[in-house]
Each structure stands twice: as C-alpha cells, then as structure tokens.
C-alpha atoms as a PDB file:
ATOM      1  CA  UNK A   1      12.410  50.775  37.862  1.00  0.00           C
ATOM      2  CA  UNK A   2      12.408  50.437  34.120  1.00  0.00           C
ATOM      3  CA  UNK A   3      12.692  47.143  32.655  1.00  0.00           C
ATOM      4  CA  UNK A   4      14.701  47.550  29.542  1.00  0.00           C
ATOM      5  CA  UNK A   5      14.225  43.965  28.584  1.00  0.00           C
ATOM      6  CA  UNK A   6      13.000  40.632  29.461  1.00  0.00           C
ATOM      7  CA  UNK A   7      10.341  40.305  32.184  1.00  0.00           C
ATOM      8  CA  UNK A   8      10.067  39.969  35.814  1.00  0.00           C
ATOM      9  CA  UNK A   9       7.623  39.641  38.505  1.00  0.00           C
ATOM     10  CA  UNK A  10       7.262  42.829  40.910  1.00  0.00           C
ATOM     11  CA  UNK A  11       5.886  42.073  44.451  1.00  0.00           C
ATOM     12  CA  UNK A  12       5.093  45.261  46.527  1.00  0.00           C
ATOM     13  CA  UNK A  13       3.032  46.349  49.381  1.00  0.00           C
ATOM     14  CA  UNK A  14       2.743  47.386  53.034  1.00  0.00           C
ATOM     15  CA  UNK A  15       3.406  44.029  54.455  1.00  0.00           C
ATOM     16  CA  UNK A  16       4.385  40.606  53.475  1.00  0.00           C
ATOM     17  CA  UNK A  17       1.145  39.445  53.783  1.00  0.00           C
ATOM     18  CA  UNK A  18      -0.450  42.248  51.351  1.00  0.00           C
ATOM     19  CA  UNK A  19       2.231  41.825  48.707  1.00  0.00           C
ATOM     20  CA  UNK A  20       0.660  42.495  45.182  1.00  0.00           C
ATOM     21  CA  UNK A  21       1.795  40.813  42.201  1.00  0.00           C
ATOM     22  CA  UNK A  22       2.652  42.808  39.077  1.00  0.00           C
ATOM     23  CA  UNK A  23       4.265  41.219  35.919  1.00  0.00           C
ATOM     24  CA  UNK A  24       6.442  43.719  34.328  1.00  0.00           C
ATOM     25  CA  UNK A  25       8.008  43.571  30.924  1.00  0.00           C
ATOM     26  CA  UNK A  26      10.254  45.405  28.339  1.00  0.00           C
ATOM     27  CA  UNK A  27       9.605  49.331  28.577  1.00  0.00           C
ATOM     28  CA  UNK A  28       7.413  48.962  31.646  1.00  0.00           C
ATOM     29  CA  UNK A  29       7.882  51.636  34.241  1.00  0.00           C
ATOM     30  CA  UNK A  30       7.080  50.855  37.962  1.00  0.00           C
ATOM     31  CA  UNK A  31       7.359  53.098  41.204  1.00  0.00           C
ATOM     32  CA  UNK A  32       7.676  51.993  44.374  1.00  0.00           C
ATOM     33  CA  UNK A  33       6.247  54.404  47.014  1.00  0.00           C
ATOM     34  CA  UNK A  34       8.288  55.511  50.115  1.00  0.00           C
ATOM     35  CA  UNK A  35       8.483  52.868  52.807  1.00  0.00           C
ATOM     36  CA  UNK A  36       7.043  50.138  50.233  1.00  0.00           C
ATOM     37  CA  UNK A  37       8.500  46.677  50.844  1.00  0.00           C
ATOM     38  CA  UNK A  38       9.116  44.940  47.455  1.00  0.00           C
ATOM     39  CA  UNK A  39      10.431  41.625  45.815  1.00  0.00           C
ATOM     40  CA  UNK A  40      11.754  41.178  42.401  1.00  0.00           C
ATOM     41  CA  UNK A  41      11.997  37.729  40.582  1.00  0.00           C
ATOM     42  CA  UNK A  42      13.433  37.329  36.798  1.00  0.00           C
ATOM     43  CA  UNK A  43      11.056  35.503  34.506  1.00  0.00           C
ATOM     44  CA  UNK A  44      13.534  35.623  32.031  1.00  0.00           C
ATOM     45  CA  UNK A  45      16.930  37.441  31.657  1.00  0.00           C
ATOM     46  CA  UNK A  46      15.828  40.781  32.063  1.00  0.00           C
ATOM     47  CA  UNK A  47      17.931  44.343  32.589  1.00  0.00           C
ATOM     48  CA  UNK A  48      16.588  47.102  34.915  1.00  0.00           C
ATOM     49  CA  UNK A  49      17.341  50.480  35.289  1.00  0.00           C
ATOM     50  CA  UNK A  50      16.798  51.526  38.984  1.00  0.00           C
ATOM     51  CA  UNK A  51      16.850  55.174  40.327  1.00  0.00           C
ATOM     52  CA  UNK A  52      16.563  55.878  44.304  1.00  0.00           C
ATOM     53  CA  UNK A  53      17.196  57.885  46.921  1.00  0.00           C
ATOM     54  CA  UNK A  54      20.739  57.955  48.488  1.00  0.00           C
ATOM     55  CA  UNK A  55      19.569  56.544  52.092  1.00  0.00           C
ATOM     56  CA  UNK A  56      20.708  52.919  52.082  1.00  0.00           C
ATOM     57  CA  UNK A  57      20.402  53.193  56.076  1.00  0.00           C
ATOM     58  CA  UNK A  58      16.722  52.252  55.655  1.00  0.00           C
ATOM     59  CA  UNK A  59      16.878  48.955  53.962  1.00  0.00           C
ATOM     60  CA  UNK A  60      15.476  46.089  55.868  1.00  0.00           C
ATOM     61  CA  UNK A  61      15.770  42.858  54.108  1.00  0.00           C
ATOM     62  CA  UNK A  62      13.052  40.197  55.037  1.00  0.00           C
ATOM     63  CA  UNK A  63      14.250  37.301  52.929  1.00  0.00           C
ATOM     64  CA  UNK A  64      17.813  37.028  51.286  1.00  0.00           C
ATOM     65  CA  UNK A  65      18.927  33.819  49.659  1.00  0.00           C
ATOM     66  CA  UNK A  66      22.639  35.607  49.087  1.00  0.00           C
ATOM     67  CA  UNK A  67      23.521  36.168  52.791  1.00  0.00           C
ATOM     68  CA  UNK A  68      23.325  39.959  52.738  1.00  0.00           C
ATOM     69  CA  UNK A  69      22.791  41.792  55.991  1.00  0.00           C
END
C-alpha cells in the first residue's frame, strides 16, 4: 500500500491479539506479507494505492461494520 495523501492507522500481525499499530502518512509504503491480518482506519481523509494478488477467495473478514461477508 502507498499513501498518496492524508494519514491512516494500520494494524497488522498474525493474530487479532497481536496486532502492531503503525501510523502511515503521505508518501509512506506498507507491505503486508501473505496471510497477515490487518485493519486500516483513516485518521484524516486519505487516498491509498493498493496492489494485491487476484486471489480473493482467501479473504477472511474478522469484523466488518459494512455488512460484507
């Protein structure tokens, strides 16, 4: 992920209990290794660019406030 503008909070790790927090700001780059869980929270209006593999069948939503499955 690349933060084009704004700032956000990235929480990532191997389990929900062990998430590490990182504040990302404009120009920051963040790499998530395969199978890492993550949560992203906007701190300001922000724009991100994300590159990912096309395998969407491995997405597991732990919590989702938008009703997606």
